[in-house]
């Protein structure tokens, strides 16, 4: 089975300069959820790797991020799709972490956890 790795903001949902801070602010881009469902149907495993610096900035906490992702998963399930895993970096751009894209720690973590 092949693997597709997607970003979240601006790919699956509309992005915001003010950050997505609540489930109410998370709105899918038209057709994105259906596209993921089509990928699943075609045999692809779909994973998200996303930078979420709003956590480091104090704009949301991990619990809120989990609620946002629950909304995304519910809406995706309604069209027959699913996300296998979500990896996120909670750090800010100046934190010099290895898990913030485009660095590769999140990708290595994904490879280890999913054995790919």
PDB file of N, CA and C in Angstrom:
ATOM      1  N   UNK A   1       0.848  -1.185   0.000  1.00  0.00           N
ATOM      2  CA  UNK A   1       0.000   0.000   0.000  1.00  0.00           C
ATOM      3  C   UNK A   1       0.890   1.245   0.000  1.00  0.00           C
ATOM      4  N   UNK A   2       0.521   2.240  -0.765  1.00  0.00           N
ATOM      5  CA  UNK A   2       1.277   3.485  -0.878  1.00  0.00           C
ATOM      6  C   UNK A   2       0.813   4.487   0.170  1.00  0.00           C
ATOM      7  N   UNK A   3       1.673   5.431   0.450  1.00  0.00           N
ATOM      8  CA  UNK A   3       1.429   6.423   1.487  1.00  0.00           C
ATOM      9  C   UNK A   3       1.400   7.819   0.875  1.00  0.00           C
ATOM     10  N   UNK A   4       0.415   8.600   1.275  1.00  0.00           N
ATOM     11  CA  UNK A   4       0.324  10.010   0.881  1.00  0.00           C
ATOM     12  C   UNK A   4       0.481  10.833   2.153  1.00  0.00           C
ATOM     13  N   UNK A   5       1.384  11.804   2.144  1.00  0.00           N
ATOM     14  CA  UNK A   5       1.585  12.703   3.284  1.00  0.00           C
ATOM     15  C   UNK A   5       1.098  14.079   2.868  1.00  0.00           C
ATOM     16  N   UNK A   6       0.136  14.603   3.630  1.00  0.00           N
ATOM     17  CA  UNK A   6      -0.430  15.915   3.337  1.00  0.00           C
ATOM     18  C   UNK A   6      -0.161  16.889   4.471  1.00  0.00           C
ATOM     19  N   UNK A   7      -0.056  18.151   4.126  1.00  0.00           N
ATOM     20  CA  UNK A   7      -0.110  19.217   5.111  1.00  0.00           C
ATOM     21  C   UNK A   7      -1.590  19.432   5.410  1.00  0.00           C
ATOM     22  N   UNK A   8      -1.896  20.190   6.457  1.00  0.00           N
ATOM     23  CA  UNK A   8      -3.300  20.421   6.792  1.00  0.00           C
ATOM     24  C   UNK A   8      -3.771  21.789   6.306  1.00  0.00           C
ATOM     25  N   UNK A   9      -3.229  22.844   6.892  1.00  0.00           N
ATOM     26  CA  UNK A   9      -3.704  24.197   6.610  1.00  0.00           C
ATOM     27  C   UNK A   9      -3.329  24.622   5.194  1.00  0.00           C
ATOM     28  N   UNK A  10      -4.336  25.009   4.440  1.00  0.00           N
ATOM     29  CA  UNK A  10      -4.122  25.426   3.062  1.00  0.00           C
ATOM     30  C   UNK A  10      -4.150  24.281   2.065  1.00  0.00           C
ATOM     31  N   UNK A  11      -4.226  23.043   2.564  1.00  0.00           N
ATOM     32  CA  UNK A  11      -4.309  21.869   1.703  1.00  0.00           C
ATOM     33  C   UNK A  11      -5.652  21.170   1.908  1.00  0.00           C
ATOM     34  N   UNK A  12      -5.983  20.908   3.168  1.00  0.00           N
ATOM     35  CA  UNK A  12      -7.252  20.258   3.493  1.00  0.00           C
ATOM     36  C   UNK A  12      -8.283  21.301   3.920  1.00  0.00           C
ATOM     37  N   UNK A  13      -7.837  22.250   4.705  1.00  0.00           N
ATOM     38  CA  UNK A  13      -8.740  23.303   5.199  1.00  0.00           C
ATOM     39  C   UNK A  13      -8.223  24.675   4.796  1.00  0.00           C
ATOM     40  N   UNK A  14      -9.123  25.649   4.837  1.00  0.00           N
ATOM     41  CA  UNK A  14      -8.734  27.031   4.562  1.00  0.00           C
ATOM     42  C   UNK A  14      -7.763  27.484   5.637  1.00  0.00           C
ATOM     43  N   UNK A  15      -6.696  28.129   5.218  1.00  0.00           N
ATOM     44  CA  UNK A  15      -5.687  28.653   6.147  1.00  0.00           C
ATOM     45  C   UNK A  15      -6.121  30.031   6.619  1.00  0.00           C
ATOM     46  N   UNK A  16      -5.492  30.503   7.683  1.00  0.00           N
ATOM     47  CA  UNK A  16      -5.800  31.820   8.222  1.00  0.00           C
ATOM     48  C   UNK A  16      -4.536  32.448   8.778  1.00  0.00           C
ATOM     49  N   UNK A  17      -4.309  33.720   8.463  1.00  0.00           N
ATOM     50  CA  UNK A  17      -3.175  34.449   9.044  1.00  0.00           C
ATOM     51  C   UNK A  17      -3.316  34.566  10.556  1.00  0.00           C
ATOM     52  N   UNK A  18      -4.550  34.419  11.049  1.00  0.00           N
ATOM     53  CA  UNK A  18      -4.821  34.488  12.492  1.00  0.00           C
ATOM     54  C   UNK A  18      -4.792  33.110  13.141  1.00  0.00           C
ATOM     55  N   UNK A  19      -4.412  32.074  12.405  1.00  0.00           N
ATOM     56  CA  UNK A  19      -4.341  30.695  12.876  1.00  0.00           C
ATOM     57  C   UNK A  19      -5.736  30.097  13.051  1.00  0.00           C
ATOM     58  N   UNK A  20      -5.809  28.775  12.930  1.00  0.00           N
ATOM     59  CA  UNK A  20      -7.038  28.037  13.196  1.00  0.00           C
ATOM     60  C   UNK A  20      -6.972  27.676  14.681  1.00  0.00           C
ATOM     61  N   UNK A  21      -7.841  28.307  15.489  1.00  0.00           N
ATOM     62  CA  UNK A  21      -7.742  28.201  16.946  1.00  0.00           C
ATOM     63  C   UNK A  21      -8.880  27.431  17.590  1.00  0.00           C
ATOM     64  N   UNK A  22      -9.867  27.007  16.794  1.00  0.00           N
ATOM     65  CA  UNK A  22     -11.017  26.298  17.354  1.00  0.00           C
ATOM     66  C   UNK A  22     -11.646  25.432  16.268  1.00  0.00           C
ATOM     67  N   UNK A  23     -12.422  24.428  16.687  1.00  0.00           N
ATOM     68  CA  UNK A  23     -13.120  23.628  15.675  1.00  0.00           C
ATOM     69  C   UNK A  23     -14.029  24.476  14.788  1.00  0.00           C
ATOM     70  N   UNK A  24     -14.627  25.521  15.337  1.00  0.00           N
ATOM     71  CA  UNK A  24     -15.524  26.373  14.539  1.00  0.00           C
ATOM     72  C   UNK A  24     -14.779  27.075  13.406  1.00  0.00           C
ATOM     73  N   UNK A  25     -13.492  27.353  13.597  1.00  0.00           N
ATOM     74  CA  UNK A  25     -12.693  28.043  12.581  1.00  0.00           C
ATOM     75  C   UNK A  25     -12.175  27.089  11.510  1.00  0.00           C
ATOM     76  N   UNK A  26     -12.229  25.789  11.765  1.00  0.00           N
ATOM     77  CA  UNK A  26     -11.715  24.813  10.801  1.00  0.00           C
ATOM     78  C   UNK A  26     -12.795  24.531   9.766  1.00  0.00           C
ATOM     79  N   UNK A  27     -12.528  24.912   8.526  1.00  0.00           N
ATOM     80  CA  UNK A  27     -13.457  24.671   7.418  1.00  0.00           C
ATOM     81  C   UNK A  27     -12.694  24.048   6.264  1.00  0.00           C
ATOM     82  N   UNK A  28     -13.182  22.911   5.746  1.00  0.00           N
ATOM     83  CA  UNK A  28     -12.463  22.245   4.657  1.00  0.00           C
ATOM     84  C   UNK A  28     -12.531  23.052   3.356  1.00  0.00           C
ATOM     85  N   UNK A  29     -11.489  22.927   2.583  1.00  0.00           N
ATOM     86  CA  UNK A  29     -11.488  23.461   1.226  1.00  0.00           C
ATOM     87  C   UNK A  29     -12.416  22.567   0.406  1.00  0.00           C
ATOM     88  N   UNK A  30     -13.239  23.177  -0.414  1.00  0.00           N
ATOM     89  CA  UNK A  30     -14.202  22.413  -1.211  1.00  0.00           C
ATOM     90  C   UNK A  30     -13.504  21.307  -1.996  1.00  0.00           C
ATOM     91  N   UNK A  31     -13.989  20.086  -1.811  1.00  0.00           N
ATOM     92  CA  UNK A  31     -13.458  18.931  -2.536  1.00  0.00           C
ATOM     93  C   UNK A  31     -12.294  18.229  -1.868  1.00  0.00           C
ATOM     94  N   UNK A  32     -11.689  18.838  -0.846  1.00  0.00           N
ATOM     95  CA  UNK A  32     -10.499  18.225  -0.244  1.00  0.00           C
ATOM     96  C   UNK A  32     -10.824  16.917   0.479  1.00  0.00           C
ATOM     97  N   UNK A  33     -11.933  16.882   1.204  1.00  0.00           N
ATOM     98  CA  UNK A  33     -12.283  15.665   1.936  1.00  0.00           C
ATOM     99  C   UNK A  33     -12.647  14.540   0.973  1.00  0.00           C
ATOM    100  N   UNK A  34     -13.357  14.881  -0.072  1.00  0.00           N
ATOM    101  CA  UNK A  34     -13.709  13.894  -1.083  1.00  0.00           C
ATOM    102  C   UNK A  34     -12.454  13.368  -1.794  1.00  0.00           C
ATOM    103  N   UNK A  35     -11.479  14.232  -1.996  1.00  0.00           N
ATOM    104  CA  UNK A  35     -10.221  13.813  -2.627  1.00  0.00           C
ATOM    105  C   UNK A  35      -9.492  12.805  -1.747  1.00  0.00           C
ATOM    106  N   UNK A  36      -9.491  13.048  -0.433  1.00  0.00           N
ATOM    107  CA  UNK A  36      -8.856  12.099   0.494  1.00  0.00           C
ATOM    108  C   UNK A  36      -9.602  10.769   0.455  1.00  0.00           C
ATOM    109  N   UNK A  37     -10.922  10.819   0.446  1.00  0.00           N
ATOM    110  CA  UNK A  37     -11.715   9.586   0.360  1.00  0.00           C
ATOM    111  C   UNK A  37     -11.379   8.820  -0.921  1.00  0.00           C
ATOM    112  N   UNK A  38     -11.206   9.533  -2.025  1.00  0.00           N
ATOM    113  CA  UNK A  38     -10.846   8.875  -3.294  1.00  0.00           C
ATOM    114  C   UNK A  38      -9.458   8.243  -3.191  1.00  0.00           C
ATOM    115  N   UNK A  39      -8.525   8.928  -2.522  1.00  0.00           N
ATOM    116  CA  UNK A  39      -7.195   8.341  -2.315  1.00  0.00           C
ATOM    117  C   UNK A  39      -7.305   7.059  -1.494  1.00  0.00           C
ATOM    118  N   UNK A  40      -8.087   7.102  -0.410  1.00  0.00           N
ATOM    119  CA  UNK A  40      -8.292   5.904   0.417  1.00  0.00           C
ATOM    120  C   UNK A  40      -8.871   4.774  -0.437  1.00  0.00           C
ATOM    121  N   UNK A  41      -9.898   5.093  -1.218  1.00  0.00           N
ATOM    122  CA  UNK A  41     -10.560   4.097  -2.052  1.00  0.00           C
ATOM    123  C   UNK A  41      -9.579   3.478  -3.058  1.00  0.00           C
ATOM    124  N   UNK A  42      -8.621   4.282  -3.516  1.00  0.00           N
ATOM    125  CA  UNK A  42      -7.619   3.806  -4.471  1.00  0.00           C
ATOM    126  C   UNK A  42      -6.494   3.031  -3.786  1.00  0.00           C
ATOM    127  N   UNK A  43      -6.576   2.893  -2.453  1.00  0.00           N
ATOM    128  CA  UNK A  43      -5.596   2.082  -1.746  1.00  0.00           C
ATOM    129  C   UNK A  43      -4.488   2.842  -1.048  1.00  0.00           C
ATOM    130  N   UNK A  44      -4.573   4.153  -1.009  1.00  0.00           N
ATOM    131  CA  UNK A  44      -3.541   4.950  -0.361  1.00  0.00           C
ATOM    132  C   UNK A  44      -3.815   5.124   1.132  1.00  0.00           C
ATOM    133  N   UNK A  45      -2.753   5.063   1.920  1.00  0.00           N
ATOM    134  CA  UNK A  45      -2.798   5.447   3.324  1.00  0.00           C
ATOM    135  C   UNK A  45      -2.519   6.947   3.344  1.00  0.00           C
ATOM    136  N   UNK A  46      -3.337   7.706   4.060  1.00  0.00           N
ATOM    137  CA  UNK A  46      -3.182   9.164   4.098  1.00  0.00           C
ATOM    138  C   UNK A  46      -2.801   9.586   5.514  1.00  0.00           C
ATOM    139  N   UNK A  47      -1.732  10.367   5.597  1.00  0.00           N
ATOM    140  CA  UNK A  47      -1.200  10.866   6.862  1.00  0.00           C
ATOM    141  C   UNK A  47      -1.021  12.368   6.742  1.00  0.00           C
ATOM    142  N   UNK A  48      -1.220  13.066   7.851  1.00  0.00           N
ATOM    143  CA  UNK A  48      -0.996  14.514   7.891  1.00  0.00           C
ATOM    144  C   UNK A  48       0.230  14.805   8.739  1.00  0.00           C
ATOM    145  N   UNK A  49       1.081  15.690   8.240  1.00  0.00           N
ATOM    146  CA  UNK A  49       2.160  16.274   9.034  1.00  0.00           C
ATOM    147  C   UNK A  49       1.965  17.780   8.952  1.00  0.00           C
ATOM    148  N   UNK A  50       1.782  18.421  10.118  1.00  0.00           N
ATOM    149  CA  UNK A  50       1.413  19.830  10.136  1.00  0.00           C
ATOM    150  C   UNK A  50       2.165  20.602  11.220  1.00  0.00           C
ATOM    151  N   UNK A  51       2.622  21.786  10.879  1.00  0.00           N
ATOM    152  CA  UNK A  51       3.188  22.700  11.874  1.00  0.00           C
ATOM    153  C   UNK A  51       2.031  23.422  12.548  1.00  0.00           C
ATOM    154  N   UNK A  52       2.008  23.412  13.875  1.00  0.00           N
ATOM    155  CA  UNK A  52       0.944  24.068  14.631  1.00  0.00           C
ATOM    156  C   UNK A  52       1.557  25.004  15.674  1.00  0.00           C
ATOM    157  N   UNK A  53       2.198  26.059  15.183  1.00  0.00           N
ATOM    158  CA  UNK A  53       2.876  27.003  16.081  1.00  0.00           C
ATOM    159  C   UNK A  53       1.906  27.804  16.935  1.00  0.00           C
ATOM    160  N   UNK A  54       0.613  27.745  16.638  1.00  0.00           N
ATOM    161  CA  UNK A  54      -0.376  28.399  17.491  1.00  0.00           C
ATOM    162  C   UNK A  54      -0.322  27.881  18.920  1.00  0.00           C
ATOM    163  N   UNK A  55       0.129  26.638  19.097  1.00  0.00           N
ATOM    164  CA  UNK A  55       0.279  26.079  20.443  1.00  0.00           C
ATOM    165  C   UNK A  55       1.390  26.821  21.176  1.00  0.00           C
ATOM    166  N   UNK A  56       2.550  26.957  20.540  1.00  0.00           N
ATOM    167  CA  UNK A  56       3.674  27.673  21.161  1.00  0.00           C
ATOM    168  C   UNK A  56       3.326  29.141  21.412  1.00  0.00           C
ATOM    169  N   UNK A  57       2.485  29.695  20.582  1.00  0.00           N
ATOM    170  CA  UNK A  57       2.097  31.099  20.720  1.00  0.00           C
ATOM    171  C   UNK A  57       1.001  31.305  21.770  1.00  0.00           C
ATOM    172  N   UNK A  58       0.481  30.199  22.322  1.00  0.00           N
ATOM    173  CA  UNK A  58      -0.554  30.289  23.337  1.00  0.00           C
ATOM    174  C   UNK A  58      -1.948  30.555  22.779  1.00  0.00           C
ATOM    175  N   UNK A  59      -2.143  30.329  21.485  1.00  0.00           N
ATOM    176  CA  UNK A  59      -3.431  30.594  20.856  1.00  0.00           C
ATOM    177  C   UNK A  59      -4.400  29.416  20.998  1.00  0.00           C
ATOM    178  N   UNK A  60      -3.870  28.222  21.211  1.00  0.00           N
ATOM    179  CA  UNK A  60      -4.676  27.041  21.457  1.00  0.00           C
ATOM    180  C   UNK A  60      -3.818  26.031  22.190  1.00  0.00           C
ATOM    181  N   UNK A  61      -4.468  25.051  22.798  1.00  0.00           N
ATOM    182  CA  UNK A  61      -3.733  23.990  23.480  1.00  0.00           C
ATOM    183  C   UNK A  61      -3.925  22.678  22.723  1.00  0.00           C
ATOM    184  N   UNK A  62      -3.237  21.640  23.166  1.00  0.00           N
ATOM    185  CA  UNK A  62      -3.294  20.351  22.471  1.00  0.00           C
ATOM    186  C   UNK A  62      -4.713  19.787  22.516  1.00  0.00           C
ATOM    187  N   UNK A  63      -5.428  19.982  23.608  1.00  0.00           N
ATOM    188  CA  UNK A  63      -6.812  19.498  23.697  1.00  0.00           C
ATOM    189  C   UNK A  63      -7.678  20.130  22.604  1.00  0.00           C
ATOM    190  N   UNK A  64      -7.518  21.423  22.388  1.00  0.00           N
ATOM    191  CA  UNK A  64      -8.278  22.104  21.337  1.00  0.00           C
ATOM    192  C   UNK A  64      -7.860  21.593  19.966  1.00  0.00           C
ATOM    193  N   UNK A  65      -6.567  21.400  19.773  1.00  0.00           N
ATOM    194  CA  UNK A  65      -6.092  20.848  18.500  1.00  0.00           C
ATOM    195  C   UNK A  65      -6.715  19.476  18.263  1.00  0.00           C
ATOM    196  N   UNK A  66      -6.802  18.660  19.297  1.00  0.00           N
ATOM    197  CA  UNK A  66      -7.432  17.346  19.157  1.00  0.00           C
ATOM    198  C   UNK A  66      -8.906  17.466  18.786  1.00  0.00           C
ATOM    199  N   UNK A  67      -9.591  18.459  19.322  1.00  0.00           N
ATOM    200  CA  UNK A  67     -11.001  18.674  18.957  1.00  0.00           C
ATOM    201  C   UNK A  67     -11.122  19.114  17.496  1.00  0.00           C
ATOM    202  N   UNK A  68     -10.203  19.946  17.048  1.00  0.00           N
ATOM    203  CA  UNK A  68     -10.180  20.362  15.635  1.00  0.00           C
ATOM    204  C   UNK A  68      -9.994  19.130  14.748  1.00  0.00           C
ATOM    205  N   UNK A  69      -9.043  18.282  15.122  1.00  0.00           N
ATOM    206  CA  UNK A  69      -8.776  17.088  14.323  1.00  0.00           C
ATOM    207  C   UNK A  69      -9.934  16.094  14.396  1.00  0.00           C
ATOM    208  N   UNK A  70     -10.639  16.041  15.524  1.00  0.00           N
ATOM    209  CA  UNK A  70     -11.836  15.188  15.620  1.00  0.00           C
ATOM    210  C   UNK A  70     -12.906  15.659  14.646  1.00  0.00           C
ATOM    211  N   UNK A  71     -13.088  16.965  14.544  1.00  0.00           N
ATOM    212  CA  UNK A  71     -14.052  17.512  13.590  1.00  0.00           C
ATOM    213  C   UNK A  71     -13.652  17.117  12.167  1.00  0.00           C
ATOM    214  N   UNK A  72     -12.370  17.267  11.847  1.00  0.00           N
ATOM    215  CA  UNK A  72     -11.892  16.925  10.514  1.00  0.00           C
ATOM    216  C   UNK A  72     -12.136  15.442  10.230  1.00  0.00           C
ATOM    217  N   UNK A  73     -11.829  14.584  11.177  1.00  0.00           N
ATOM    218  CA  UNK A  73     -12.012  13.140  10.990  1.00  0.00           C
ATOM    219  C   UNK A  73     -13.498  12.788  10.821  1.00  0.00           C
ATOM    220  N   UNK A  74     -14.374  13.424  11.609  1.00  0.00           N
ATOM    221  CA  UNK A  74     -15.822  13.176  11.489  1.00  0.00           C
ATOM    222  C   UNK A  74     -16.330  13.582  10.115  1.00  0.00           C
ATOM    223  N   UNK A  75     -15.946  14.779   9.673  1.00  0.00           N
ATOM    224  CA  UNK A  75     -16.392  15.255   8.368  1.00  0.00           C
ATOM    225  C   UNK A  75     -15.848  14.358   7.256  1.00  0.00           C
ATOM    226  N   UNK A  76     -14.629  13.907   7.415  1.00  0.00           N
ATOM    227  CA  UNK A  76     -14.022  13.028   6.424  1.00  0.00           C
ATOM    228  C   UNK A  76     -14.743  11.683   6.387  1.00  0.00           C
ATOM    229  N   UNK A  77     -15.082  11.150   7.548  1.00  0.00           N
ATOM    230  CA  UNK A  77     -15.799   9.876   7.611  1.00  0.00           C
ATOM    231  C   UNK A  77     -17.153   9.976   6.918  1.00  0.00           C
ATOM    232  N   UNK A  78     -17.777  11.143   6.970  1.00  0.00           N
ATOM    233  CA  UNK A  78     -19.088  11.330   6.331  1.00  0.00           C
ATOM    234  C   UNK A  78     -19.022  11.178   4.813  1.00  0.00           C
ATOM    235  N   UNK A  79     -17.828  11.383   4.246  1.00  0.00           N
ATOM    236  CA  UNK A  79     -17.681  11.208   2.797  1.00  0.00           C
ATOM    237  C   UNK A  79     -16.903   9.936   2.465  1.00  0.00           C
ATOM    238  N   UNK A  80     -16.677   9.096   3.481  1.00  0.00           N
ATOM    239  CA  UNK A  80     -16.054   7.800   3.247  1.00  0.00           C
ATOM    240  C   UNK A  80     -14.549   7.779   3.296  1.00  0.00           C
ATOM    241  N   UNK A  81     -13.928   8.791   3.892  1.00  0.00           N
ATOM    242  CA  UNK A  81     -12.472   8.834   3.950  1.00  0.00           C
ATOM    243  C   UNK A  81     -11.942   8.743   5.362  1.00  0.00           C
ATOM    244  N   UNK A  82     -10.628   8.575   5.446  1.00  0.00           N
ATOM    245  CA  UNK A  82     -10.005   8.544   6.756  1.00  0.00           C
ATOM    246  C   UNK A  82      -8.545   8.945   6.681  1.00  0.00           C
ATOM    247  N   UNK A  83      -8.075   9.502   7.781  1.00  0.00           N
ATOM    248  CA  UNK A  83      -6.670   9.851   7.966  1.00  0.00           C
ATOM    249  C   UNK A  83      -6.091   8.807   8.901  1.00  0.00           C
ATOM    250  N   UNK A  84      -5.010   8.176   8.503  1.00  0.00           N
ATOM    251  CA  UNK A  84      -4.420   7.127   9.330  1.00  0.00           C
ATOM    252  C   UNK A  84      -3.722   7.690  10.564  1.00  0.00           C
ATOM    253  N   UNK A  85      -3.056   8.826  10.411  1.00  0.00           N
ATOM    254  CA  UNK A  85      -2.323   9.413  11.536  1.00  0.00           C
ATOM    255  C   UNK A  85      -2.133  10.899  11.288  1.00  0.00           C
ATOM    256  N   UNK A  86      -1.987  11.631  12.389  1.00  0.00           N
ATOM    257  CA  UNK A  86      -1.694  13.057  12.317  1.00  0.00           C
ATOM    258  C   UNK A  86      -0.469  13.322  13.191  1.00  0.00           C
ATOM    259  N   UNK A  87       0.556  13.865  12.584  1.00  0.00           N
ATOM    260  CA  UNK A  87       1.768  14.264  13.294  1.00  0.00           C
ATOM    261  C   UNK A  87       1.812  15.783  13.272  1.00  0.00           C
ATOM    262  N   UNK A  88       2.103  16.403  14.430  1.00  0.00           N
ATOM    263  CA  UNK A  88       2.146  17.860  14.451  1.00  0.00           C
ATOM    264  C   UNK A  88       3.331  18.352  15.263  1.00  0.00           C
ATOM    265  N   UNK A  89       3.828  19.494  14.841  1.00  0.00           N
ATOM    266  CA  UNK A  89       4.878  20.188  15.570  1.00  0.00           C
ATOM    267  C   UNK A  89       4.220  21.334  16.332  1.00  0.00           C
ATOM    268  N   UNK A  90       4.338  21.352  17.667  1.00  0.00           N
ATOM    269  CA  UNK A  90       3.714  22.407  18.467  1.00  0.00           C
ATOM    270  C   UNK A  90       4.610  23.630  18.666  1.00  0.00           C
ATOM    271  N   UNK A  91       5.789  23.608  18.071  1.00  0.00           N
ATOM    272  CA  UNK A  91       6.781  24.649  18.327  1.00  0.00           C
ATOM    273  C   UNK A  91       6.626  25.845  17.400  1.00  0.00           C
ATOM    274  N   UNK A  92       7.212  26.951  17.813  1.00  0.00           N
ATOM    275  CA  UNK A  92       7.217  28.147  16.989  1.00  0.00           C
ATOM    276  C   UNK A  92       8.365  28.136  16.006  1.00  0.00           C
ATOM    277  N   UNK A  93       8.339  29.028  15.023  1.00  0.00           N
ATOM    278  CA  UNK A  93       9.384  29.053  13.995  1.00  0.00           C
ATOM    279  C   UNK A  93      10.773  29.366  14.532  1.00  0.00           C
ATOM    280  N   UNK A  94      10.865  30.021  15.684  1.00  0.00           N
ATOM    281  CA  UNK A  94      12.171  30.379  16.245  1.00  0.00           C
ATOM    282  C   UNK A  94      12.646  29.405  17.318  1.00  0.00           C
ATOM    283  N   UNK A  95      11.910  28.308  17.537  1.00  0.00           N
ATOM    284  CA  UNK A  95      12.263  27.355  18.593  1.00  0.00           C
ATOM    285  C   UNK A  95      13.386  26.400  18.199  1.00  0.00           C
ATOM    286  N   UNK A  96      13.742  26.394  16.926  1.00  0.00           N
ATOM    287  CA  UNK A  96      14.844  25.572  16.419  1.00  0.00           C
ATOM    288  C   UNK A  96      14.677  24.084  16.755  1.00  0.00           C
ATOM    289  N   UNK A  97      13.462  23.587  16.649  1.00  0.00           N
ATOM    290  CA  UNK A  97      13.214  22.165  16.889  1.00  0.00           C
ATOM    291  C   UNK A  97      13.461  21.386  15.601  1.00  0.00           C
ATOM    292  N   UNK A  98      13.545  20.080  15.731  1.00  0.00           N
ATOM    293  CA  UNK A  98      13.749  19.230  14.552  1.00  0.00           C
ATOM    294  C   UNK A  98      12.449  18.712  13.954  1.00  0.00           C
ATOM    295  N   UNK A  99      11.319  18.913  14.686  1.00  0.00           N
ATOM    296  CA  UNK A  99      10.060  18.348  14.185  1.00  0.00           C
ATOM    297  C   UNK A  99       9.276  19.329  13.316  1.00  0.00           C
ATOM    298  N   UNK A 100       9.728  20.569  13.240  1.00  0.00           N
ATOM    299  CA  UNK A 100       9.027  21.559  12.428  1.00  0.00           C
ATOM    300  C   UNK A 100       9.446  21.413  10.967  1.00  0.00           C
ATOM    301  N   UNK A 101       8.445  21.241  10.097  1.00  0.00           N
ATOM    302  CA  UNK A 101       8.762  21.172   8.669  1.00  0.00           C
ATOM    303  C   UNK A 101       9.393  22.501   8.251  1.00  0.00           C
ATOM    304  N   UNK A 102      10.351  22.495   7.400  1.00  0.00           N
ATOM    305  CA  UNK A 102      10.746  21.408   6.511  1.00  0.00           C
ATOM    306  C   UNK A 102      11.808  20.462   7.079  1.00  0.00           C
ATOM    307  N   UNK A 103      12.183  20.596   8.353  1.00  0.00           N
ATOM    308  CA  UNK A 103      13.117  19.621   8.921  1.00  0.00           C
ATOM    309  C   UNK A 103      12.456  18.251   8.924  1.00  0.00           C
ATOM    310  N   UNK A 104      13.234  17.207   9.212  1.00  0.00           N
ATOM    311  CA  UNK A 104      12.747  15.861   8.923  1.00  0.00           C
ATOM    312  C   UNK A 104      12.348  14.996  10.119  1.00  0.00           C
ATOM    313  N   UNK A 105      12.378  15.494  11.333  1.00  0.00           N
ATOM    314  CA  UNK A 105      12.083  14.627  12.484  1.00  0.00           C
ATOM    315  C   UNK A 105      10.666  14.061  12.444  1.00  0.00           C
ATOM    316  N   UNK A 106       9.691  14.846  12.033  1.00  0.00           N
ATOM    317  CA  UNK A 106       8.310  14.337  11.968  1.00  0.00           C
ATOM    318  C   UNK A 106       8.210  13.224  10.914  1.00  0.00           C
ATOM    319  N   UNK A 107       8.927  13.368   9.820  1.00  0.00           N
ATOM    320  CA  UNK A 107       8.907  12.348   8.773  1.00  0.00           C
ATOM    321  C   UNK A 107       9.582  11.062   9.259  1.00  0.00           C
ATOM    322  N   UNK A 108      10.678  11.216  10.009  1.00  0.00           N
ATOM    323  CA  UNK A 108      11.355  10.045  10.574  1.00  0.00           C
ATOM    324  C   UNK A 108      10.464   9.364  11.609  1.00  0.00           C
ATOM    325  N   UNK A 109       9.751  10.154  12.420  1.00  0.00           N
ATOM    326  CA  UNK A 109       8.833   9.600  13.407  1.00  0.00           C
ATOM    327  C   UNK A 109       7.725   8.821  12.703  1.00  0.00           C
ATOM    328  N   UNK A 110       7.185   9.398  11.656  1.00  0.00           N
ATOM    329  CA  UNK A 110       6.156   8.720  10.863  1.00  0.00           C
ATOM    330  C   UNK A 110       6.691   7.398  10.328  1.00  0.00           C
ATOM    331  N   UNK A 111       7.869   7.411   9.747  1.00  0.00           N
ATOM    332  CA  UNK A 111       8.454   6.199   9.176  1.00  0.00           C
ATOM    333  C   UNK A 111       8.624   5.121  10.248  1.00  0.00           C
ATOM    334  N   UNK A 112       9.076   5.520  11.422  1.00  0.00           N
ATOM    335  CA  UNK A 112       9.276   4.566  12.514  1.00  0.00           C
ATOM    336  C   UNK A 112       7.953   3.998  13.010  1.00  0.00           C
ATOM    337  N   UNK A 113       6.990   4.879  13.278  1.00  0.00           N
ATOM    338  CA  UNK A 113       5.705   4.440  13.843  1.00  0.00           C
ATOM    339  C   UNK A 113       4.880   3.605  12.870  1.00  0.00           C
ATOM    340  N   UNK A 114       4.911   3.974  11.599  1.00  0.00           N
ATOM    341  CA  UNK A 114       4.097   3.247  10.618  1.00  0.00           C
ATOM    342  C   UNK A 114       4.886   2.175   9.874  1.00  0.00           C
ATOM    343  N   UNK A 115       6.153   2.043  10.226  1.00  0.00           N
ATOM    344  CA  UNK A 115       7.027   1.027   9.604  1.00  0.00           C
ATOM    345  C   UNK A 115       7.036   1.138   8.078  1.00  0.00           C
ATOM    346  N   UNK A 116       7.296   2.358   7.628  1.00  0.00           N
ATOM    347  CA  UNK A 116       7.396   2.592   6.185  1.00  0.00           C
ATOM    348  C   UNK A 116       8.750   3.166   5.849  1.00  0.00           C
TER     349      UNK A 116
END
